[in-house]
Amino acid sequence: MGVMQEIQQRSTSRPRCRNCGSPVSRRFCRVFGDNQDDVYGCMDCTSMRKLTKGAATSK
């Protein structure tokens, strides 16, 4: 997938956890995601304790 296609897809589709595929809110991505607002863990596949320690920002 090209960079432009990925940017367009991100702007129109609901964000998803890259670990389990569950939908997450844009706010969740801003708070727990990496610098590109990608999340690699969510409430469905990662504990809140791990999320608050940064688990959602790493692959």
Protein backbone atom coordinates (compact mmCIF):
# COMPACT_ATOMS: atom_id res chain seq x y z
CA MET A 1 0.00 0.00 0.00
CA GLY A 2 1.32 3.41 -0.94
CA VAL A 3 1.75 6.27 1.48
CA MET A 4 -1.11 8.30 -0.05
CA GLN A 5 -3.47 5.33 0.10
CA GLU A 6 -2.62 4.74 3.75
CA ILE A 7 -3.20 8.42 4.59
CA GLN A 8 -6.56 8.37 2.80
CA GLN A 9 -7.57 5.13 4.52
CA ARG A 10 -6.62 6.50 7.94
CA SER A 11 -8.68 9.64 7.42
CA THR A 12 -11.84 7.77 6.41
CA SER A 13 -11.79 4.56 8.42
CA ARG A 14 -12.08 3.93 12.13
CA PRO A 15 -8.71 3.18 13.73
CA ARG A 16 -7.99 -0.38 14.82
CA CYS A 17 -5.59 -2.07 17.18
CA ARG A 18 -2.70 -3.47 15.15
CA ASN A 19 -2.38 -6.39 17.53
CA CYS A 20 -5.92 -7.82 17.58
CA GLY A 21 -7.85 -5.73 15.04
CA SER A 22 -10.44 -4.37 17.49
CA PRO A 23 -11.77 -0.89 16.71
CA VAL A 24 -10.43 1.90 18.92
CA SER A 25 -11.33 5.57 19.15
CA ARG A 26 -9.16 8.31 17.71
CA ARG A 27 -8.82 9.67 21.24
CA PHE A 28 -7.51 6.29 22.44
CA CYS A 29 -4.93 6.43 19.63
CA ARG A 30 -3.83 9.94 20.61
CA VAL A 31 -3.48 8.99 24.27
CA PHE A 32 -1.99 5.49 24.06
CA GLY A 33 -0.58 5.31 20.51
CA ASP A 34 2.81 6.10 19.08
CA ASN A 35 3.75 9.35 17.28
CA GLN A 36 1.68 8.29 14.25
CA ASP A 37 -1.30 7.40 16.51
CA ASP A 38 -0.89 3.69 15.79
CA VAL A 39 -1.76 1.37 18.68
CA TYR A 40 -0.33 -2.12 19.14
CA GLY A 41 -2.51 -3.01 22.12
CA CYS A 42 -6.00 -2.11 23.32
CA MET A 43 -8.43 -2.86 26.15
CA ASP A 44 -9.42 -6.11 24.38
CA CYS A 45 -5.92 -7.59 24.19
CA THR A 46 -3.80 -5.72 26.77
CA SER A 47 -4.31 -4.92 30.43
CA MET A 48 -4.79 -1.31 31.53
CA ARG A 49 -1.66 -1.62 33.63
CA LYS A 50 0.42 -2.45 30.55
CA LEU A 51 -1.27 0.26 28.49
CA THR A 52 -0.40 2.94 31.04
CA LYS A 53 3.23 1.79 30.91
CA GLY A 54 3.36 2.23 27.12
CA ALA A 55 2.59 -1.26 25.83
CA ALA A 56 0.38 0.07 23.01
CA THR A 57 3.23 2.00 21.40
CA SER A 58 5.49 -0.94 20.58
CA LYS A 59 5.16 -3.72 18.04
